[in-house]
Amino acid sequence: MSLTVVDASALAAVVFNEPAAAQVHQQLQDTLLVAPRLLAYELTNTAWRKIRQHPDQAAALAQALARALSSDFAITWADVEFEEVLPLALEKGLTAYDASYLWLARHINAVLVTLDETLSAAT
């Protein structure tokens, strides 16, 4: 199995059944998922935004988030070296958040799965 760093845009597609879910799910098949702890906050914020837009779906969205952050997705949480993330963000024109995913993928020599076009172009 290969290592795959997954970012919030990609995992949110799967977790919240967005249009790109099938594409991302295929990319994550038979891989070991690794992500910076930041992913948990970003997914939680995505759930918060979706609940604000669709309050009638709050319970289902909260359940989907709980499953994603539990052992269902078997994500290995990793720390990043912030002093290395900052120059990478500046060099690539990324936010520090996005650069954290890129740095981790490079650091562990893993594929980065993202739906973010700017981040994808920086890899």
PDB file of N, CA and C in Angstrom:
ATOM      1  N   MET A   1       0.837  -1.197   0.000  1.00  0.00           N
ATOM      2  CA  MET A   1       0.000   0.000   0.000  1.00  0.00           C
ATOM      3  C   MET A   1       0.870   1.245   0.000  1.00  0.00           C
ATOM      4  N   SER A   2       0.420   2.228  -0.733  1.00  0.00           N
ATOM      5  CA  SER A   2       1.177   3.465  -0.805  1.00  0.00           C
ATOM      6  C   SER A   2       0.651   4.479   0.208  1.00  0.00           C
ATOM      7  N   LEU A   3       1.506   5.422   0.554  1.00  0.00           N
ATOM      8  CA  LEU A   3       1.111   6.512   1.437  1.00  0.00           C
ATOM      9  C   LEU A   3       0.449   7.607   0.619  1.00  0.00           C
ATOM     10  N   THR A   4      -0.628   8.143   1.150  1.00  0.00           N
ATOM     11  CA  THR A   4      -1.335   9.231   0.494  1.00  0.00           C
ATOM     12  C   THR A   4      -1.660  10.303   1.511  1.00  0.00           C
ATOM     13  N   VAL A   5      -1.259  11.534   1.213  1.00  0.00           N
ATOM     14  CA  VAL A   5      -1.677  12.680   2.022  1.00  0.00           C
ATOM     15  C   VAL A   5      -2.959  13.198   1.393  1.00  0.00           C
ATOM     16  N   VAL A   6      -3.977  13.331   2.201  1.00  0.00           N
ATOM     17  CA  VAL A   6      -5.265  13.808   1.716  1.00  0.00           C
ATOM     18  C   VAL A   6      -5.557  15.157   2.361  1.00  0.00           C
ATOM     19  N   ASP A   7      -6.021  16.107   1.550  1.00  0.00           N
ATOM     20  CA  ASP A   7      -6.344  17.415   2.105  1.00  0.00           C
ATOM     21  C   ASP A   7      -7.849  17.527   2.344  1.00  0.00           C
ATOM     22  N   ALA A   8      -8.240  18.644   2.926  1.00  0.00           N
ATOM     23  CA  ALA A   8      -9.643  18.821   3.320  1.00  0.00           C
ATOM     24  C   ALA A   8     -10.579  18.868   2.119  1.00  0.00           C
ATOM     25  N   SER A   9     -10.141  19.461   1.024  1.00  0.00           N
ATOM     26  CA  SER A   9     -11.036  19.548  -0.141  1.00  0.00           C
ATOM     27  C   SER A   9     -11.391  18.159  -0.656  1.00  0.00           C
ATOM     28  N   ALA A  10     -10.408  17.283  -0.690  1.00  0.00           N
ATOM     29  CA  ALA A  10     -10.634  15.929  -1.204  1.00  0.00           C
ATOM     30  C   ALA A  10     -11.434  15.085  -0.221  1.00  0.00           C
ATOM     31  N   LEU A  11     -11.035  15.097   1.044  1.00  0.00           N
ATOM     32  CA  LEU A  11     -11.739  14.251   2.004  1.00  0.00           C
ATOM     33  C   LEU A  11     -13.164  14.740   2.241  1.00  0.00           C
ATOM     34  N   ALA A  12     -13.372  16.049   2.209  1.00  0.00           N
ATOM     35  CA  ALA A  12     -14.729  16.583   2.369  1.00  0.00           C
ATOM     36  C   ALA A  12     -15.638  16.089   1.253  1.00  0.00           C
ATOM     37  N   ALA A  13     -15.104  15.951   0.046  1.00  0.00           N
ATOM     38  CA  ALA A  13     -15.908  15.447  -1.065  1.00  0.00           C
ATOM     39  C   ALA A  13     -16.448  14.066  -0.754  1.00  0.00           C
ATOM     40  N   VAL A  14     -15.605  13.217  -0.181  1.00  0.00           N
ATOM     41  CA  VAL A  14     -16.024  11.854   0.163  1.00  0.00           C
ATOM     42  C   VAL A  14     -16.954  11.868   1.370  1.00  0.00           C
ATOM     43  N   VAL A  15     -16.545  12.562   2.409  1.00  0.00           N
ATOM     44  CA  VAL A  15     -17.283  12.559   3.682  1.00  0.00           C
ATOM     45  C   VAL A  15     -18.688  13.123   3.518  1.00  0.00           C
ATOM     46  N   PHE A  16     -18.806  14.211   2.765  1.00  0.00           N
ATOM     47  CA  PHE A  16     -20.091  14.889   2.636  1.00  0.00           C
ATOM     48  C   PHE A  16     -20.774  14.610   1.295  1.00  0.00           C
ATOM     49  N   ASN A  17     -20.306  13.566   0.600  1.00  0.00           N
ATOM     50  CA  ASN A  17     -20.922  13.101  -0.644  1.00  0.00           C
ATOM     51  C   ASN A  17     -21.103  14.222  -1.665  1.00  0.00           C
ATOM     52  N   GLU A  18     -20.016  14.910  -1.932  1.00  0.00           N
ATOM     53  CA  GLU A  18     -20.023  15.982  -2.912  1.00  0.00           C
ATOM     54  C   GLU A  18     -19.806  15.392  -4.307  1.00  0.00           C
ATOM     55  N   PRO A  19     -19.993  16.189  -5.353  1.00  0.00           N
ATOM     56  CA  PRO A  19     -19.901  15.658  -6.720  1.00  0.00           C
ATOM     57  C   PRO A  19     -18.609  14.910  -7.056  1.00  0.00           C
ATOM     58  N   ALA A  20     -17.491  15.309  -6.501  1.00  0.00           N
ATOM     59  CA  ALA A  20     -16.211  14.653  -6.825  1.00  0.00           C
ATOM     60  C   ALA A  20     -15.920  13.440  -5.937  1.00  0.00           C
ATOM     61  N   ALA A  21     -16.892  13.008  -5.158  1.00  0.00           N
ATOM     62  CA  ALA A  21     -16.667  11.914  -4.197  1.00  0.00           C
ATOM     63  C   ALA A  21     -16.148  10.640  -4.858  1.00  0.00           C
ATOM     64  N   ALA A  22     -16.725  10.237  -5.943  1.00  0.00           N
ATOM     65  CA  ALA A  22     -16.311   8.988  -6.602  1.00  0.00           C
ATOM     66  C   ALA A  22     -14.873   9.081  -7.106  1.00  0.00           C
ATOM     67  N   GLN A  23     -14.531  10.218  -7.694  1.00  0.00           N
ATOM     68  CA  GLN A  23     -13.168  10.431  -8.200  1.00  0.00           C
ATOM     69  C   GLN A  23     -12.156  10.335  -7.050  1.00  0.00           C
ATOM     70  N   VAL A  24     -12.435  11.011  -5.946  1.00  0.00           N
ATOM     71  CA  VAL A  24     -11.509  11.004  -4.806  1.00  0.00           C
ATOM     72  C   VAL A  24     -11.459   9.626  -4.173  1.00  0.00           C
ATOM     73  N   HIS A  25     -12.612   9.017  -4.022  1.00  0.00           N
ATOM     74  CA  HIS A  25     -12.654   7.680  -3.415  1.00  0.00           C
ATOM     75  C   HIS A  25     -11.757   6.718  -4.184  1.00  0.00           C
ATOM     76  N   GLN A  26     -11.797   6.806  -5.488  1.00  0.00           N
ATOM     77  CA  GLN A  26     -10.952   5.947  -6.323  1.00  0.00           C
ATOM     78  C   GLN A  26      -9.471   6.226  -6.065  1.00  0.00           C
ATOM     79  N   GLN A  27      -9.100   7.488  -5.910  1.00  0.00           N
ATOM     80  CA  GLN A  27      -7.708   7.851  -5.658  1.00  0.00           C
ATOM     81  C   GLN A  27      -7.234   7.380  -4.278  1.00  0.00           C
ATOM     82  N   LEU A  28      -8.154   7.220  -3.354  1.00  0.00           N
ATOM     83  CA  LEU A  28      -7.784   6.826  -1.989  1.00  0.00           C
ATOM     84  C   LEU A  28      -7.831   5.320  -1.768  1.00  0.00           C
ATOM     85  N   GLN A  29      -8.301   4.583  -2.768  1.00  0.00           N
ATOM     86  CA  GLN A  29      -8.381   3.127  -2.659  1.00  0.00           C
ATOM     87  C   GLN A  29      -7.000   2.526  -2.402  1.00  0.00           C
ATOM     88  N   ASP A  30      -6.950   1.578  -1.513  1.00  0.00           N
ATOM     89  CA  ASP A  30      -5.730   0.819  -1.234  1.00  0.00           C
ATOM     90  C   ASP A  30      -4.531   1.702  -0.893  1.00  0.00           C
ATOM     91  N   THR A  31      -4.775   2.766  -0.134  1.00  0.00           N
ATOM     92  CA  THR A  31      -3.689   3.621   0.322  1.00  0.00           C
ATOM     93  C   THR A  31      -3.781   3.790   1.829  1.00  0.00           C
ATOM     94  N   LEU A  32      -2.682   4.178   2.413  1.00  0.00           N
ATOM     95  CA  LEU A  32      -2.650   4.542   3.827  1.00  0.00           C
ATOM     96  C   LEU A  32      -2.756   6.053   3.901  1.00  0.00           C
ATOM     97  N   LEU A  33      -3.813   6.540   4.539  1.00  0.00           N
ATOM     98  CA  LEU A  33      -4.057   7.980   4.590  1.00  0.00           C
ATOM     99  C   LEU A  33      -3.247   8.635   5.703  1.00  0.00           C
ATOM    100  N   VAL A  34      -2.610   9.732   5.356  1.00  0.00           N
ATOM    101  CA  VAL A  34      -1.848  10.539   6.298  1.00  0.00           C
ATOM    102  C   VAL A  34      -2.284  11.977   6.105  1.00  0.00           C
ATOM    103  N   ALA A  35      -2.400  12.719   7.202  1.00  0.00           N
ATOM    104  CA  ALA A  35      -2.788  14.122   7.093  1.00  0.00           C
ATOM    105  C   ALA A  35      -2.267  14.897   8.290  1.00  0.00           C
ATOM    106  N   PRO A  36      -2.029  16.192   8.083  1.00  0.00           N
ATOM    107  CA  PRO A  36      -1.696  17.023   9.236  1.00  0.00           C
ATOM    108  C   PRO A  36      -2.949  17.175  10.103  1.00  0.00           C
ATOM    109  N   ARG A  37      -2.748  17.398  11.373  1.00  0.00           N
ATOM    110  CA  ARG A  37      -3.882  17.532  12.300  1.00  0.00           C
ATOM    111  C   ARG A  37      -4.830  18.653  11.882  1.00  0.00           C
ATOM    112  N   LEU A  38      -4.332  19.561  11.102  1.00  0.00           N
ATOM    113  CA  LEU A  38      -5.131  20.648  10.554  1.00  0.00           C
ATOM    114  C   LEU A  38      -6.379  20.133   9.844  1.00  0.00           C
ATOM    115  N   LEU A  39      -6.289  18.974   9.239  1.00  0.00           N
ATOM    116  CA  LEU A  39      -7.413  18.402   8.494  1.00  0.00           C
ATOM    117  C   LEU A  39      -8.665  18.299   9.356  1.00  0.00           C
ATOM    118  N   ALA A  40      -8.513  17.904  10.600  1.00  0.00           N
ATOM    119  CA  ALA A  40      -9.675  17.757  11.488  1.00  0.00           C
ATOM    120  C   ALA A  40     -10.400  19.091  11.664  1.00  0.00           C
ATOM    121  N   TYR A  41      -9.637  20.164  11.803  1.00  0.00           N
ATOM    122  CA  TYR A  41     -10.242  21.491  11.960  1.00  0.00           C
ATOM    123  C   TYR A  41     -10.917  21.940  10.671  1.00  0.00           C
ATOM    124  N   GLU A  42     -10.269  21.671   9.548  1.00  0.00           N
ATOM    125  CA  GLU A  42     -10.854  22.079   8.278  1.00  0.00           C
ATOM    126  C   GLU A  42     -12.134  21.309   7.967  1.00  0.00           C
ATOM    127  N   LEU A  43     -12.144  20.016   8.254  1.00  0.00           N
ATOM    128  CA  LEU A  43     -13.364  19.232   8.037  1.00  0.00           C
ATOM    129  C   LEU A  43     -14.481  19.697   8.967  1.00  0.00           C
ATOM    130  N   THR A  44     -14.122  19.995  10.208  1.00  0.00           N
ATOM    131  CA  THR A  44     -15.124  20.484  11.159  1.00  0.00           C
ATOM    132  C   THR A  44     -15.702  21.807  10.683  1.00  0.00           C
ATOM    133  N   ASN A  45     -14.856  22.679  10.153  1.00  0.00           N
ATOM    134  CA  ASN A  45     -15.338  23.952   9.631  1.00  0.00           C
ATOM    135  C   ASN A  45     -16.230  23.749   8.407  1.00  0.00           C
ATOM    136  N   THR A  46     -15.888  22.783   7.573  1.00  0.00           N
ATOM    137  CA  THR A  46     -16.731  22.467   6.414  1.00  0.00           C
ATOM    138  C   THR A  46     -18.103  21.996   6.872  1.00  0.00           C
ATOM    139  N   ALA A  47     -18.124  21.128   7.883  1.00  0.00           N
ATOM    140  CA  ALA A  47     -19.410  20.663   8.422  1.00  0.00           C
ATOM    141  C   ALA A  47     -20.206  21.841   8.979  1.00  0.00           C
ATOM    142  N   TRP A  48     -19.540  22.730   9.682  1.00  0.00           N
ATOM    143  CA  TRP A  48     -20.194  23.917  10.254  1.00  0.00           C
ATOM    144  C   TRP A  48     -20.845  24.758   9.156  1.00  0.00           C
ATOM    145  N   ARG A  49     -20.087  25.001   8.056  1.00  0.00           N
ATOM    146  CA  ARG A  49     -20.635  25.784   6.945  1.00  0.00           C
ATOM    147  C   ARG A  49     -21.840  25.088   6.316  1.00  0.00           C
ATOM    148  N   LYS A  50     -21.730  23.779   6.123  1.00  0.00           N
ATOM    149  CA  LYS A  50     -22.823  23.029   5.503  1.00  0.00           C
ATOM    150  C   LYS A  50     -24.062  23.030   6.401  1.00  0.00           C
ATOM    151  N   ILE A  51     -23.868  22.914   7.694  1.00  0.00           N
ATOM    152  CA  ILE A  51     -25.001  22.927   8.628  1.00  0.00           C
ATOM    153  C   ILE A  51     -25.670  24.296   8.622  1.00  0.00           C
ATOM    154  N   ARG A  52     -24.877  25.349   8.541  1.00  0.00           N
ATOM    155  CA  ARG A  52     -25.467  26.698   8.479  1.00  0.00           C
ATOM    156  C   ARG A  52     -26.294  26.868   7.205  1.00  0.00           C
ATOM    157  N   GLN A  53     -25.846  26.269   6.101  1.00  0.00           N
ATOM    158  CA  GLN A  53     -26.579  26.366   4.836  1.00  0.00           C
ATOM    159  C   GLN A  53     -27.791  25.446   4.799  1.00  0.00           C
ATOM    160  N   HIS A  54     -27.678  24.294   5.489  1.00  0.00           N
ATOM    161  CA  HIS A  54     -28.737  23.278   5.455  1.00  0.00           C
ATOM    162  C   HIS A  54     -29.011  22.764   6.873  1.00  0.00           C
ATOM    163  N   PRO A  55     -29.631  23.577   7.723  1.00  0.00           N
ATOM    164  CA  PRO A  55     -29.853  23.184   9.116  1.00  0.00           C
ATOM    165  C   PRO A  55     -30.654  21.886   9.270  1.00  0.00           C
ATOM    166  N   ASP A  56     -31.486  21.588   8.290  1.00  0.00           N
ATOM    167  CA  ASP A  56     -32.282  20.362   8.337  1.00  0.00           C
ATOM    168  C   ASP A  56     -31.419  19.109   8.190  1.00  0.00           C
ATOM    169  N   GLN A  57     -30.182  19.261   7.728  1.00  0.00           N
ATOM    170  CA  GLN A  57     -29.268  18.130   7.549  1.00  0.00           C
ATOM    171  C   GLN A  57     -28.203  18.059   8.653  1.00  0.00           C
ATOM    172  N   ALA A  58     -28.391  18.818   9.717  1.00  0.00           N
ATOM    173  CA  ALA A  58     -27.369  18.927  10.767  1.00  0.00           C
ATOM    174  C   ALA A  58     -26.962  17.576  11.338  1.00  0.00           C
ATOM    175  N   ALA A  59     -27.913  16.734  11.652  1.00  0.00           N
ATOM    176  CA  ALA A  59     -27.587  15.441  12.274  1.00  0.00           C
ATOM    177  C   ALA A  59     -26.768  14.563  11.325  1.00  0.00           C
ATOM    178  N   ALA A  60     -27.167  14.496  10.078  1.00  0.00           N
ATOM    179  CA  ALA A  60     -26.446  13.664   9.107  1.00  0.00           C
ATOM    180  C   ALA A  60     -25.042  14.202   8.858  1.00  0.00           C
ATOM    181  N   LEU A  61     -24.914  15.502   8.774  1.00  0.00           N
ATOM    182  CA  LEU A  61     -23.600  16.110   8.547  1.00  0.00           C
ATOM    183  C   LEU A  61     -22.686  15.895   9.751  1.00  0.00           C
ATOM    184  N   ALA A  62     -23.228  16.039  10.941  1.00  0.00           N
ATOM    185  CA  ALA A  62     -22.432  15.805  12.154  1.00  0.00           C
ATOM    186  C   ALA A  62     -22.000  14.344  12.241  1.00  0.00           C
ATOM    187  N   GLN A  63     -22.870  13.437  11.857  1.00  0.00           N
ATOM    188  CA  GLN A  63     -22.516  12.007  11.849  1.00  0.00           C
ATOM    189  C   GLN A  63     -21.417  11.719  10.832  1.00  0.00           C
ATOM    190  N   ALA A  64     -21.524  12.317   9.668  1.00  0.00           N
ATOM    191  CA  ALA A  64     -20.509  12.118   8.632  1.00  0.00           C
ATOM    192  C   ALA A  64     -19.151  12.622   9.123  1.00  0.00           C
ATOM    193  N   LEU A  65     -19.145  13.761   9.781  1.00  0.00           N
ATOM    194  CA  LEU A  65     -17.906  14.301  10.332  1.00  0.00           C
ATOM    195  C   LEU A  65     -17.333  13.366  11.388  1.00  0.00           C
ATOM    196  N   ALA A  66     -18.178  12.882  12.273  1.00  0.00           N
ATOM    197  CA  ALA A  66     -17.720  11.981  13.337  1.00  0.00           C
ATOM    198  C   ALA A  66     -17.107  10.708  12.744  1.00  0.00           C
ATOM    199  N   ARG A  67     -17.731  10.159  11.718  1.00  0.00           N
ATOM    200  CA  ARG A  67     -17.178   8.959  11.068  1.00  0.00           C
ATOM    201  C   ARG A  67     -15.821   9.252  10.436  1.00  0.00           C
ATOM    202  N   ALA A  68     -15.704  10.408   9.800  1.00  0.00           N
ATOM    203  CA  ALA A  68     -14.448  10.764   9.133  1.00  0.00           C
ATOM    204  C   ALA A  68     -13.307  10.917  10.128  1.00  0.00           C
ATOM    205  N   LEU A  69     -13.610  11.440  11.285  1.00  0.00           N
ATOM    206  CA  LEU A  69     -12.560  11.688  12.270  1.00  0.00           C
ATOM    207  C   LEU A  69     -12.340  10.516  13.217  1.00  0.00           C
ATOM    208  N   SER A  70     -13.158   9.487  13.074  1.00  0.00           N
ATOM    209  CA  SER A  70     -12.974   8.285  13.889  1.00  0.00           C
ATOM    210  C   SER A  70     -12.080   7.315  13.128  1.00  0.00           C
ATOM    211  N   SER A  71     -12.075   6.122  13.551  1.00  0.00           N
ATOM    212  CA  SER A  71     -11.218   5.114  12.913  1.00  0.00           C
ATOM    213  C   SER A  71     -11.764   4.636  11.566  1.00  0.00           C
ATOM    214  N   ASP A  72     -12.943   5.063  11.158  1.00  0.00           N
ATOM    215  CA  ASP A  72     -13.516   4.630   9.879  1.00  0.00           C
ATOM    216  C   ASP A  72     -12.596   4.924   8.698  1.00  0.00           C
ATOM    217  N   PHE A  73     -11.933   6.064   8.734  1.00  0.00           N
ATOM    218  CA  PHE A  73     -11.054   6.441   7.636  1.00  0.00           C
ATOM    219  C   PHE A  73      -9.595   6.100   7.925  1.00  0.00           C
ATOM    220  N   ALA A  74      -9.306   5.688   9.135  1.00  0.00           N
ATOM    221  CA  ALA A  74      -7.957   5.251   9.526  1.00  0.00           C
ATOM    222  C   ALA A  74      -6.880   6.236   9.091  1.00  0.00           C
ATOM    223  N   ILE A  75      -7.081   7.493   9.424  1.00  0.00           N
ATOM    224  CA  ILE A  75      -6.105   8.522   9.085  1.00  0.00           C
ATOM    225  C   ILE A  75      -4.981   8.499  10.117  1.00  0.00           C
ATOM    226  N   THR A  76      -3.765   8.516   9.637  1.00  0.00           N
ATOM    227  CA  THR A  76      -2.621   8.684  10.521  1.00  0.00           C
ATOM    228  C   THR A  76      -2.339  10.175  10.593  1.00  0.00           C
ATOM    229  N   TRP A  77      -2.403  10.713  11.798  1.00  0.00           N
ATOM    230  CA  TRP A  77      -2.200  12.144  11.991  1.00  0.00           C
ATOM    231  C   TRP A  77      -0.717  12.427  12.121  1.00  0.00           C
ATOM    232  N   ALA A  78      -0.261  13.468  11.449  1.00  0.00           N
ATOM    233  CA  ALA A  78       1.155  13.817  11.454  1.00  0.00           C
ATOM    234  C   ALA A  78       1.333  15.298  11.765  1.00  0.00           C
ATOM    235  N   ASP A  79       2.435  15.604  12.395  1.00  0.00           N
ATOM    236  CA  ASP A  79       2.792  16.996  12.652  1.00  0.00           C
ATOM    237  C   ASP A  79       3.660  17.495  11.506  1.00  0.00           C
ATOM    238  N   VAL A  80       3.603  18.787  11.276  1.00  0.00           N
ATOM    239  CA  VAL A  80       4.444  19.394  10.246  1.00  0.00           C
ATOM    240  C   VAL A  80       5.455  20.316  10.914  1.00  0.00           C
ATOM    241  N   GLU A  81       6.508  20.602  10.191  1.00  0.00           N
ATOM    242  CA  GLU A  81       7.542  21.522  10.676  1.00  0.00           C
ATOM    243  C   GLU A  81       7.189  22.922  10.165  1.00  0.00           C
ATOM    244  N   PHE A  82       6.609  23.732  11.051  1.00  0.00           N
ATOM    245  CA  PHE A  82       6.100  25.032  10.628  1.00  0.00           C
ATOM    246  C   PHE A  82       7.183  25.950  10.070  1.00  0.00           C
ATOM    247  N   GLU A  83       8.405  25.828  10.596  1.00  0.00           N
ATOM    248  CA  GLU A  83       9.480  26.672  10.079  1.00  0.00           C
ATOM    249  C   GLU A  83       9.859  26.285   8.649  1.00  0.00           C
ATOM    250  N   GLU A  84       9.451  25.114   8.199  1.00  0.00           N
ATOM    251  CA  GLU A  84       9.668  24.706   6.807  1.00  0.00           C
ATOM    252  C   GLU A  84       8.430  24.947   5.948  1.00  0.00           C
ATOM    253  N   VAL A  85       7.263  24.983   6.579  1.00  0.00           N
ATOM    254  CA  VAL A  85       6.012  25.228   5.857  1.00  0.00           C
ATOM    255  C   VAL A  85       5.951  26.673   5.362  1.00  0.00           C
ATOM    256  N   LEU A  86       6.392  27.621   6.187  1.00  0.00           N
ATOM    257  CA  LEU A  86       6.303  29.032   5.812  1.00  0.00           C
ATOM    258  C   LEU A  86       7.071  29.350   4.533  1.00  0.00           C
ATOM    259  N   PRO A  87       8.353  28.991   4.422  1.00  0.00           N
ATOM    260  CA  PRO A  87       9.035  29.305   3.156  1.00  0.00           C
ATOM    261  C   PRO A  87       8.438  28.568   1.955  1.00  0.00           C
ATOM    262  N   LEU A  88       7.917  27.368   2.176  1.00  0.00           N
ATOM    263  CA  LEU A  88       7.267  26.635   1.091  1.00  0.00           C
ATOM    264  C   LEU A  88       6.014  27.376   0.634  1.00  0.00           C
ATOM    265  N   ALA A  89       5.230  27.871   1.587  1.00  0.00           N
ATOM    266  CA  ALA A  89       4.025  28.637   1.261  1.00  0.00           C
ATOM    267  C   ALA A  89       4.381  29.882   0.460  1.00  0.00           C
ATOM    268  N   LEU A  90       5.411  30.571   0.898  1.00  0.00           N
ATOM    269  CA  LEU A  90       5.833  31.786   0.193  1.00  0.00           C
ATOM    270  C   LEU A  90       6.349  31.470  -1.207  1.00  0.00           C
ATOM    271  N   GLU A  91       7.139  30.424  -1.319  1.00  0.00           N
ATOM    272  CA  GLU A  91       7.704  30.034  -2.615  1.00  0.00           C
ATOM    273  C   GLU A  91       6.625  29.631  -3.612  1.00  0.00           C
ATOM    274  N   LYS A  92       5.632  28.876  -3.143  1.00  0.00           N
ATOM    275  CA  LYS A  92       4.610  28.322  -4.039  1.00  0.00           C
ATOM    276  C   LYS A  92       3.359  29.188  -4.151  1.00  0.00           C
ATOM    277  N   GLY A  93       3.283  30.264  -3.362  1.00  0.00           N
ATOM    278  CA  GLY A  93       2.098  31.118  -3.407  1.00  0.00           C
ATOM    279  C   GLY A  93       0.875  30.455  -2.794  1.00  0.00           C
ATOM    280  N   LEU A  94       1.099  29.654  -1.753  1.00  0.00           N
ATOM    281  CA  LEU A  94       0.025  28.931  -1.080  1.00  0.00           C
ATOM    282  C   LEU A  94      -0.262  29.539   0.285  1.00  0.00           C
ATOM    283  N   THR A  95      -1.424  29.226   0.817  1.00  0.00           N
ATOM    284  CA  THR A  95      -1.661  29.541   2.216  1.00  0.00           C
ATOM    285  C   THR A  95      -0.800  28.601   3.058  1.00  0.00           C
ATOM    286  N   ALA A  96      -0.584  28.956   4.286  1.00  0.00           N
ATOM    287  CA  ALA A  96       0.162  28.069   5.191  1.00  0.00           C
ATOM    288  C   ALA A  96      -0.595  26.759   5.370  1.00  0.00           C
ATOM    289  N   TYR A  97      -1.922  26.823   5.335  1.00  0.00           N
ATOM    290  CA  TYR A  97      -2.722  25.607   5.471  1.00  0.00           C
ATOM    291  C   TYR A  97      -2.412  24.641   4.328  1.00  0.00           C
ATOM    292  N   ASP A  98      -2.515  25.140   3.101  1.00  0.00           N
ATOM    293  CA  ASP A  98      -2.263  24.281   1.945  1.00  0.00           C
ATOM    294  C   ASP A  98      -0.810  23.816   1.893  1.00  0.00           C
ATOM    295  N   ALA A  99       0.103  24.703   2.242  1.00  0.00           N
ATOM    296  CA  ALA A  99       1.515  24.331   2.238  1.00  0.00           C
ATOM    297  C   ALA A  99       1.802  23.227   3.255  1.00  0.00           C
ATOM    298  N   SER A 100       1.008  23.136   4.297  1.00  0.00           N
ATOM    299  CA  SER A 100       1.185  22.060   5.286  1.00  0.00           C
ATOM    300  C   SER A 100       0.953  20.692   4.651  1.00  0.00           C
ATOM    301  N   TYR A 101      -0.057  20.587   3.811  1.00  0.00           N
ATOM    302  CA  TYR A 101      -0.324  19.325   3.114  1.00  0.00           C
ATOM    303  C   TYR A 101       0.798  19.003   2.132  1.00  0.00           C
ATOM    304  N   LEU A 102       1.236  20.017   1.390  1.00  0.00           N
ATOM    305  CA  LEU A 102       2.307  19.816   0.417  1.00  0.00           C
ATOM    306  C   LEU A 102       3.602  19.425   1.129  1.00  0.00           C
ATOM    307  N   TRP A 103       3.924  20.130   2.210  1.00  0.00           N
ATOM    308  CA  TRP A 103       5.146  19.814   2.949  1.00  0.00           C
ATOM    309  C   TRP A 103       5.115  18.363   3.440  1.00  0.00           C
ATOM    310  N   LEU A 104       3.974  17.951   4.011  1.00  0.00           N
ATOM    311  CA  LEU A 104       3.864  16.592   4.538  1.00  0.00           C
ATOM    312  C   LEU A 104       4.030  15.564   3.423  1.00  0.00           C
ATOM    313  N   ALA A 105       3.383  15.787   2.293  1.00  0.00           N
ATOM    314  CA  ALA A 105       3.506  14.845   1.167  1.00  0.00           C
ATOM    315  C   ALA A 105       4.959  14.724   0.728  1.00  0.00           C
ATOM    316  N   ARG A 106       5.635  15.843   0.652  1.00  0.00           N
ATOM    317  CA  ARG A 106       7.050  15.804   0.272  1.00  0.00           C
ATOM    318  C   ARG A 106       7.893  15.123   1.346  1.00  0.00           C
ATOM    319  N   HIS A 107       7.612  15.441   2.598  1.00  0.00           N
ATOM    320  CA  HIS A 107       8.400  14.927   3.720  1.00  0.00           C
ATOM    321  C   HIS A 107       8.344  13.406   3.828  1.00  0.00           C
ATOM    322  N   ILE A 108       7.168  12.833   3.555  1.00  0.00           N
ATOM    323  CA  ILE A 108       7.028  11.375   3.677  1.00  0.00           C
ATOM    324  C   ILE A 108       7.016  10.687   2.316  1.00  0.00           C
ATOM    325  N   ASN A 109       7.297  11.465   1.266  1.00  0.00           N
ATOM    326  CA  ASN A 109       7.346  10.933  -0.090  1.00  0.00           C
ATOM    327  C   ASN A 109       6.031  10.236  -0.463  1.00  0.00           C
ATOM    328  N   ALA A 110       4.945  10.982  -0.320  1.00  0.00           N
ATOM    329  CA  ALA A 110       3.607  10.439  -0.574  1.00  0.00           C
ATOM    330  C   ALA A 110       2.917  11.219  -1.685  1.00  0.00           C
ATOM    331  N   VAL A 111       1.921  10.615  -2.249  1.00  0.00           N
ATOM    332  CA  VAL A 111       1.051  11.277  -3.215  1.00  0.00           C
ATOM    333  C   VAL A 111       0.142  12.228  -2.436  1.00  0.00           C
ATOM    334  N   LEU A 112      -0.127  13.385  -3.008  1.00  0.00           N
ATOM    335  CA  LEU A 112      -1.052  14.342  -2.403  1.00  0.00           C
ATOM    336  C   LEU A 112      -2.346  14.322  -3.201  1.00  0.00           C
ATOM    337  N   VAL A 113      -3.455  14.019  -2.540  1.00  0.00           N
ATOM    338  CA  VAL A 113      -4.770  14.032  -3.183  1.00  0.00           C
ATOM    339  C   VAL A 113      -5.499  15.279  -2.731  1.00  0.00           C
ATOM    340  N   THR A 114      -5.838  16.123  -3.691  1.00  0.00           N
ATOM    341  CA  THR A 114      -6.514  17.392  -3.425  1.00  0.00           C
ATOM    342  C   THR A 114      -7.424  17.735  -4.586  1.00  0.00           C
ATOM    343  N   LEU A 115      -8.446  18.498  -4.305  1.00  0.00           N
ATOM    344  CA  LEU A 115      -9.299  19.061  -5.352  1.00  0.00           C
ATOM    345  C   LEU A 115      -8.989  20.530  -5.563  1.00  0.00           C
ATOM    346  N   ASP A 116      -8.081  21.064  -4.761  1.00  0.00           N
ATOM    347  CA  ASP A 116      -7.691  22.457  -4.835  1.00  0.00           C
ATOM    348  C   ASP A 116      -6.727  22.644  -6.016  1.00  0.00           C
ATOM    349  N   GLU A 117      -7.143  23.410  -7.000  1.00  0.00           N
ATOM    350  CA  GLU A 117      -6.345  23.572  -8.227  1.00  0.00           C
ATOM    351  C   GLU A 117      -5.006  24.248  -7.958  1.00  0.00           C
ATOM    352  N   THR A 118      -4.987  25.248  -7.082  1.00  0.00           N
ATOM    353  CA  THR A 118      -3.738  25.945  -6.765  1.00  0.00           C
ATOM    354  C   THR A 118      -2.761  25.008  -6.083  1.00  0.00           C
ATOM    355  N   LEU A 119      -3.250  24.243  -5.132  1.00  0.00           N
ATOM    356  CA  LEU A 119      -2.399  23.296  -4.425  1.00  0.00           C
ATOM    357  C   LEU A 119      -1.932  22.201  -5.369  1.00  0.00           C
ATOM    358  N   SER A 120      -2.803  21.707  -6.199  1.00  0.00           N
ATOM    359  CA  SER A 120      -2.443  20.670  -7.155  1.00  0.00           C
ATOM    360  C   SER A 120      -1.353  21.153  -8.104  1.00  0.00           C
ATOM    361  N   ALA A 121      -1.454  22.388  -8.552  1.00  0.00           N
ATOM    362  CA  ALA A 121      -0.455  22.944  -9.469  1.00  0.00           C
ATOM    363  C   ALA A 121       0.900  23.125  -8.796  1.00  0.00           C
ATOM    364  N   ALA A 122       0.914  23.255  -7.476  1.00  0.00           N
ATOM    365  CA  ALA A 122       2.150  23.472  -6.735  1.00  0.00           C
ATOM    366  C   ALA A 122       2.930  22.185  -6.471  1.00  0.00           C
ATOM    367  N   THR A 123       2.308  21.046  -6.712  1.00  0.00           N
ATOM    368  CA  THR A 123       2.982  19.784  -6.402  1.00  0.00           C
ATOM    369  C   THR A 123       4.035  19.420  -7.424  1.00  0.00           C
TER     370      THR A 123
END
